[in-house]
PDB file of N, CA and C in Angstrom:
ATOM      1  N   MET A   1     -42.971 -41.509 -27.851  1.00  0.00           N
ATOM      2  CA  MET A   1     -43.368 -42.090 -26.572  1.00  0.00           C
ATOM      3  C   MET A   1     -43.089 -43.587 -26.594  1.00  0.00           C
ATOM      4  N   LEU A   2     -42.536 -44.105 -25.523  1.00  0.00           N
ATOM      5  CA  LEU A   2     -42.245 -45.523 -25.383  1.00  0.00           C
ATOM      6  C   LEU A   2     -43.455 -46.228 -24.806  1.00  0.00           C
ATOM      7  N   ASN A   3     -43.862 -47.289 -25.441  1.00  0.00           N
ATOM      8  CA  ASN A   3     -45.010 -48.066 -24.988  1.00  0.00           C
ATOM      9  C   ASN A   3     -44.499 -49.224 -24.145  1.00  0.00           C
ATOM     10  N   ILE A   4     -45.178 -49.569 -23.070  1.00  0.00           N
ATOM     11  CA  ILE A   4     -44.755 -50.654 -22.179  1.00  0.00           C
ATOM     12  C   ILE A   4     -44.661 -51.975 -22.932  1.00  0.00           C
ATOM     13  N   HIS A   5     -45.354 -52.087 -24.047  1.00  0.00           N
ATOM     14  CA  HIS A   5     -45.317 -53.318 -24.820  1.00  0.00           C
ATOM     15  C   HIS A   5     -44.150 -53.355 -25.799  1.00  0.00           C
ATOM     16  N   ASP A   6     -43.414 -52.272 -25.924  1.00  0.00           N
ATOM     17  CA  ASP A   6     -42.261 -52.250 -26.817  1.00  0.00           C
ATOM     18  C   ASP A   6     -41.200 -53.220 -26.333  1.00  0.00           C
ATOM     19  N   ASP A   7     -40.509 -53.816 -27.269  1.00  0.00           N
ATOM     20  CA  ASP A   7     -39.453 -54.769 -26.947  1.00  0.00           C
ATOM     21  C   ASP A   7     -38.390 -54.150 -26.046  1.00  0.00           C
ATOM     22  N   THR A   8     -38.136 -52.870 -26.215  1.00  0.00           N
ATOM     23  CA  THR A   8     -37.080 -52.231 -25.449  1.00  0.00           C
ATOM     24  C   THR A   8     -37.364 -52.227 -23.953  1.00  0.00           C
ATOM     25  N   VAL A   9     -38.615 -52.333 -23.565  1.00  0.00           N
ATOM     26  CA  VAL A   9     -38.947 -52.334 -22.142  1.00  0.00           C
ATOM     27  C   VAL A   9     -39.243 -53.746 -21.647  1.00  0.00           C
ATOM     28  N   VAL A  10     -40.218 -54.375 -22.221  1.00  0.00           N
ATOM     29  CA  VAL A  10     -40.696 -55.663 -21.727  1.00  0.00           C
ATOM     30  C   VAL A  10     -39.674 -56.785 -21.916  1.00  0.00           C
ATOM     31  N   CYS A  11     -39.041 -56.824 -23.051  1.00  0.00           N
ATOM     32  CA  CYS A  11     -38.154 -57.954 -23.361  1.00  0.00           C
ATOM     33  C   CYS A  11     -36.811 -57.893 -22.637  1.00  0.00           C
ATOM     34  N   GLN A  12     -36.577 -56.852 -21.882  1.00  0.00           N
ATOM     35  CA  GLN A  12     -35.316 -56.786 -21.149  1.00  0.00           C
ATOM     36  C   GLN A  12     -35.200 -57.902 -20.119  1.00  0.00           C
ATOM     37  N   LEU A  13     -36.312 -58.390 -19.635  1.00  0.00           N
ATOM     38  CA  LEU A  13     -36.296 -59.487 -18.668  1.00  0.00           C
ATOM     39  C   LEU A  13     -36.686 -60.826 -19.293  1.00  0.00           C
ATOM     40  N   SER A  14     -36.652 -60.914 -20.607  1.00  0.00           N
ATOM     41  CA  SER A  14     -37.117 -62.134 -21.269  1.00  0.00           C
ATOM     42  C   SER A  14     -36.321 -63.367 -20.851  1.00  0.00           C
ATOM     43  N   GLU A  15     -35.027 -63.214 -20.612  1.00  0.00           N
ATOM     44  CA  GLU A  15     -34.221 -64.370 -20.205  1.00  0.00           C
ATOM     45  C   GLU A  15     -34.325 -64.642 -18.710  1.00  0.00           C
ATOM     46  N   ARG A  16     -34.958 -63.770 -17.997  1.00  0.00           N
ATOM     47  CA  ARG A  16     -35.152 -63.948 -16.555  1.00  0.00           C
ATOM     48  C   ARG A  16     -36.625 -63.751 -16.217  1.00  0.00           C
ATOM     49  N   GLN A  17     -37.481 -64.343 -17.020  1.00  0.00           N
ATOM     50  CA  GLN A  17     -38.929 -64.206 -16.868  1.00  0.00           C
ATOM     51  C   GLN A  17     -39.390 -64.641 -15.482  1.00  0.00           C
ATOM     52  N   HIS A  18     -38.674 -65.550 -14.863  1.00  0.00           N
ATOM     53  CA  HIS A  18     -39.054 -66.026 -13.530  1.00  0.00           C
ATOM     54  C   HIS A  18     -39.051 -64.891 -12.504  1.00  0.00           C
ATOM     55  N   PHE A  19     -38.253 -63.848 -12.724  1.00  0.00           N
ATOM     56  CA  PHE A  19     -38.275 -62.707 -11.812  1.00  0.00           C
ATOM     57  C   PHE A  19     -39.592 -61.952 -11.918  1.00  0.00           C
ATOM     58  N   VAL A  20     -40.181 -61.951 -13.082  1.00  0.00           N
ATOM     59  CA  VAL A  20     -41.465 -61.281 -13.289  1.00  0.00           C
ATOM     60  C   VAL A  20     -42.590 -62.140 -12.725  1.00  0.00           C
ATOM     61  N   ASP A  21     -42.483 -63.438 -12.937  1.00  0.00           N
ATOM     62  CA  ASP A  21     -43.539 -64.356 -12.531  1.00  0.00           C
ATOM     63  C   ASP A  21     -43.615 -64.560 -11.027  1.00  0.00           C
ATOM     64  N   ASN A  22     -42.446 -64.578 -10.359  1.00  0.00           N
ATOM     65  CA  ASN A  22     -42.420 -64.905  -8.939  1.00  0.00           C
ATOM     66  C   ASN A  22     -41.128 -64.376  -8.337  1.00  0.00           C
ATOM     67  N   SER A  23     -41.224 -63.532  -7.357  1.00  0.00           N
ATOM     68  CA  SER A  23     -40.031 -62.929  -6.763  1.00  0.00           C
ATOM     69  C   SER A  23     -39.240 -63.897  -5.882  1.00  0.00           C
ATOM     70  N   ASP A  24     -39.792 -65.058  -5.613  1.00  0.00           N
ATOM     71  CA  ASP A  24     -39.102 -66.038  -4.779  1.00  0.00           C
ATOM     72  C   ASP A  24     -38.320 -67.067  -5.590  1.00  0.00           C
ATOM     73  N   MET A  25     -38.329 -66.953  -6.904  1.00  0.00           N
ATOM     74  CA  MET A  25     -37.667 -67.941  -7.750  1.00  0.00           C
ATOM     75  C   MET A  25     -36.376 -67.380  -8.323  1.00  0.00           C
ATOM     76  N   TYR A  26     -35.399 -68.250  -8.474  1.00  0.00           N
ATOM     77  CA  TYR A  26     -34.165 -67.909  -9.158  1.00  0.00           C
ATOM     78  C   TYR A  26     -33.626 -69.183  -9.787  1.00  0.00           C
ATOM     79  N   SER A  27     -32.750 -69.010 -10.753  1.00  0.00           N
ATOM     80  CA  SER A  27     -32.208 -70.156 -11.473  1.00  0.00           C
ATOM     81  C   SER A  27     -30.746 -70.372 -11.106  1.00  0.00           C
ATOM     82  N   LEU A  28     -30.241 -71.513 -11.499  1.00  0.00           N
ATOM     83  CA  LEU A  28     -28.822 -71.800 -11.311  1.00  0.00           C
ATOM     84  C   LEU A  28     -27.990 -70.771 -12.068  1.00  0.00           C
ATOM     85  N   GLN A  29     -28.462 -70.383 -13.256  1.00  0.00           N
ATOM     86  CA  GLN A  29     -27.753 -69.366 -14.031  1.00  0.00           C
ATOM     87  C   GLN A  29     -27.714 -68.035 -13.284  1.00  0.00           C
ATOM     88  N   ASP A  30     -28.780 -67.707 -12.572  1.00  0.00           N
ATOM     89  CA  ASP A  30     -28.783 -66.486 -11.759  1.00  0.00           C
ATOM     90  C   ASP A  30     -27.671 -66.533 -10.719  1.00  0.00           C
ATOM     91  N   LEU A  31     -27.514 -67.674 -10.069  1.00  0.00           N
ATOM     92  CA  LEU A  31     -26.465 -67.818  -9.053  1.00  0.00           C
ATOM     93  C   LEU A  31     -25.076 -67.724  -9.673  1.00  0.00           C
ATOM     94  N   ILE A  32     -24.914 -68.318 -10.836  1.00  0.00           N
ATOM     95  CA  ILE A  32     -23.628 -68.235 -11.543  1.00  0.00           C
ATOM     96  C   ILE A  32     -23.337 -66.792 -11.926  1.00  0.00           C
ATOM     97  N   ASP A  33     -24.351 -66.121 -12.481  1.00  0.00           N
ATOM     98  CA  ASP A  33     -24.176 -64.720 -12.878  1.00  0.00           C
ATOM     99  C   ASP A  33     -23.927 -63.825 -11.674  1.00  0.00           C
ATOM    100  N   LEU A  34     -24.548 -64.133 -10.557  1.00  0.00           N
ATOM    101  CA  LEU A  34     -24.307 -63.376  -9.335  1.00  0.00           C
ATOM    102  C   LEU A  34     -22.860 -63.535  -8.883  1.00  0.00           C
ATOM    103  N   ALA A  35     -22.371 -64.754  -8.900  1.00  0.00           N
ATOM    104  CA  ALA A  35     -20.982 -65.035  -8.497  1.00  0.00           C
ATOM    105  C   ALA A  35     -19.976 -64.383  -9.440  1.00  0.00           C
ATOM    106  N   ASN A  36     -20.347 -64.250 -10.701  1.00  0.00           N
ATOM    107  CA  ASN A  36     -19.446 -63.668 -11.705  1.00  0.00           C
ATOM    108  C   ASN A  36     -19.667 -62.168 -11.905  1.00  0.00           C
ATOM    109  N   ASP A  37     -20.384 -61.536 -10.980  1.00  0.00           N
ATOM    110  CA  ASP A  37     -20.661 -60.088 -11.040  1.00  0.00           C
ATOM    111  C   ASP A  37     -21.335 -59.669 -12.340  1.00  0.00           C
ATOM    112  N   VAL A  38     -22.257 -60.493 -12.815  1.00  0.00           N
ATOM    113  CA  VAL A  38     -23.015 -60.196 -14.022  1.00  0.00           C
ATOM    114  C   VAL A  38     -24.461 -59.819 -13.676  1.00  0.00           C
ATOM    115  N   LEU A  39     -25.034 -60.504 -12.708  1.00  0.00           N
ATOM    116  CA  LEU A  39     -26.459 -60.341 -12.411  1.00  0.00           C
ATOM    117  C   LEU A  39     -26.808 -58.950 -11.895  1.00  0.00           C
ATOM    118  N   LEU A  40     -26.107 -58.476 -10.904  1.00  0.00           N
ATOM    119  CA  LEU A  40     -26.450 -57.186 -10.306  1.00  0.00           C
ATOM    120  C   LEU A  40     -26.357 -56.028 -11.305  1.00  0.00           C
ATOM    121  N   PRO A  41     -25.271 -55.907 -12.074  1.00  0.00           N
ATOM    122  CA  PRO A  41     -25.249 -54.814 -13.067  1.00  0.00           C
ATOM    123  C   PRO A  41     -26.373 -54.933 -14.103  1.00  0.00           C
ATOM    124  N   GLU A  42     -26.693 -56.157 -14.503  1.00  0.00           N
ATOM    125  CA  GLU A  42     -27.772 -56.355 -15.472  1.00  0.00           C
ATOM    126  C   GLU A  42     -29.108 -55.912 -14.890  1.00  0.00           C
ATOM    127  N   LEU A  43     -29.413 -56.328 -13.680  1.00  0.00           N
ATOM    128  CA  LEU A  43     -30.678 -55.950 -13.049  1.00  0.00           C
ATOM    129  C   LEU A  43     -30.722 -54.460 -12.738  1.00  0.00           C
ATOM    130  N   THR A  44     -29.600 -53.884 -12.390  1.00  0.00           N
ATOM    131  CA  THR A  44     -29.530 -52.444 -12.129  1.00  0.00           C
ATOM    132  C   THR A  44     -29.862 -51.661 -13.394  1.00  0.00           C
ATOM    133  N   GLN A  45     -29.337 -52.096 -14.531  1.00  0.00           N
ATOM    134  CA  GLN A  45     -29.610 -51.431 -15.807  1.00  0.00           C
ATOM    135  C   GLN A  45     -31.075 -51.581 -16.183  1.00  0.00           C
ATOM    136  N   ILE A  46     -31.638 -52.763 -16.009  1.00  0.00           N
ATOM    137  CA  ILE A  46     -33.044 -52.992 -16.329  1.00  0.00           C
ATOM    138  C   ILE A  46     -33.942 -52.148 -15.422  1.00  0.00           C
ATOM    139  N   HIS A  47     -33.612 -52.097 -14.147  1.00  0.00           N
ATOM    140  CA  HIS A  47     -34.380 -51.281 -13.196  1.00  0.00           C
ATOM    141  C   HIS A  47     -34.343 -49.809 -13.606  1.00  0.00           C
ATOM    142  N   ALA A  48     -33.175 -49.321 -13.974  1.00  0.00           N
ATOM    143  CA  ALA A  48     -33.047 -47.922 -14.392  1.00  0.00           C
ATOM    144  C   ALA A  48     -33.876 -47.650 -15.637  1.00  0.00           C
ATOM    145  N   SER A  49     -33.887 -48.591 -16.560  1.00  0.00           N
ATOM    146  CA  SER A  49     -34.667 -48.443 -17.783  1.00  0.00           C
ATOM    147  C   SER A  49     -36.169 -48.405 -17.479  1.00  0.00           C
ATOM    148  N   PHE A  50     -36.629 -49.304 -16.607  1.00  0.00           N
ATOM    149  CA  PHE A  50     -38.041 -49.325 -16.221  1.00  0.00           C
ATOM    150  C   PHE A  50     -38.412 -48.035 -15.485  1.00  0.00           C
ATOM    151  N   ALA A  51     -37.549 -47.582 -14.577  1.00  0.00           N
ATOM    152  CA  ALA A  51     -37.818 -46.357 -13.826  1.00  0.00           C
ATOM    153  C   ALA A  51     -37.908 -45.151 -14.762  1.00  0.00           C
ATOM    154  N   LEU A  52     -37.007 -45.081 -15.732  1.00  0.00           N
ATOM    155  CA  LEU A  52     -37.043 -43.990 -16.703  1.00  0.00           C
ATOM    156  C   LEU A  52     -38.341 -44.025 -17.489  1.00  0.00           C
ATOM    157  N   HIS A  53     -38.735 -45.203 -17.903  1.00  0.00           N
ATOM    158  CA  HIS A  53     -39.986 -45.343 -18.642  1.00  0.00           C
ATOM    159  C   HIS A  53     -41.170 -44.845 -17.808  1.00  0.00           C
ATOM    160  N   ILE A  54     -41.225 -45.275 -16.564  1.00  0.00           N
ATOM    161  CA  ILE A  54     -42.352 -44.911 -15.697  1.00  0.00           C
ATOM    162  C   ILE A  54     -42.351 -43.416 -15.389  1.00  0.00           C
ATOM    163  N   LYS A  55     -41.185 -42.861 -15.131  1.00  0.00           N
ATOM    164  CA  LYS A  55     -41.108 -41.461 -14.710  1.00  0.00           C
ATOM    165  C   LYS A  55     -41.213 -40.467 -15.852  1.00  0.00           C
ATOM    166  N   THR A  56     -40.738 -40.824 -17.040  1.00  0.00           N
ATOM    167  CA  THR A  56     -40.688 -39.826 -18.104  1.00  0.00           C
ATOM    168  C   THR A  56     -41.426 -40.213 -19.372  1.00  0.00           C
ATOM    169  N   ASP A  57     -41.422 -41.473 -19.740  1.00  0.00           N
ATOM    170  CA  ASP A  57     -41.961 -41.862 -21.047  1.00  0.00           C
ATOM    171  C   ASP A  57     -43.413 -42.320 -21.002  1.00  0.00           C
ATOM    172  N   CYS A  58     -43.849 -42.839 -19.880  1.00  0.00           N
ATOM    173  CA  CYS A  58     -45.174 -43.424 -19.787  1.00  0.00           C
ATOM    174  C   CYS A  58     -46.230 -42.334 -19.607  1.00  0.00           C
ATOM    175  N   GLU A  59     -47.231 -42.359 -20.481  1.00  0.00           N
ATOM    176  CA  GLU A  59     -48.316 -41.406 -20.361  1.00  0.00           C
ATOM    177  C   GLU A  59     -49.472 -42.036 -19.605  1.00  0.00           C
ATOM    178  N   VAL A  60     -49.996 -41.321 -18.654  1.00  0.00           N
ATOM    179  CA  VAL A  60     -51.144 -41.793 -17.893  1.00  0.00           C
ATOM    180  C   VAL A  60     -52.394 -41.405 -18.663  1.00  0.00           C
ATOM    181  N   PRO A  61     -53.269 -42.375 -18.933  1.00  0.00           N
ATOM    182  CA  PRO A  61     -54.496 -42.030 -19.663  1.00  0.00           C
ATOM    183  C   PRO A  61     -55.387 -41.136 -18.803  1.00  0.00           C
ATOM    184  N   PRO A  62     -56.170 -40.281 -19.438  1.00  0.00           N
ATOM    185  CA  PRO A  62     -57.061 -39.405 -18.674  1.00  0.00           C
ATOM    186  C   PRO A  62     -58.113 -40.207 -17.924  1.00  0.00           C
ATOM    187  N   ALA A  63     -58.523 -39.694 -16.780  1.00  0.00           N
ATOM    188  CA  ALA A  63     -59.558 -40.354 -15.979  1.00  0.00           C
ATOM    189  C   ALA A  63     -60.872 -40.336 -16.742  1.00  0.00           C
ATOM    190  N   ILE A  64     -61.602 -41.399 -16.594  1.00  0.00           N
ATOM    191  CA  ILE A  64     -62.894 -41.515 -17.291  1.00  0.00           C
ATOM    192  C   ILE A  64     -64.010 -41.006 -16.413  1.00  0.00           C
TER     193      ILE A  64
END
């Protein structure tokens, strides 16, 4: 089972932490990566990884 705290899930956005902190922020590097067709594929892969984790790997604790 993959834990949300595992590096494979959480650290995928480590270089773009501002996306986690605030959806209205972006960096100059984000704009450069967007122009160079790097940003969208990277975010698409991270989104797919998070979705897979949520849909298949994440266990919901029993209700108390």
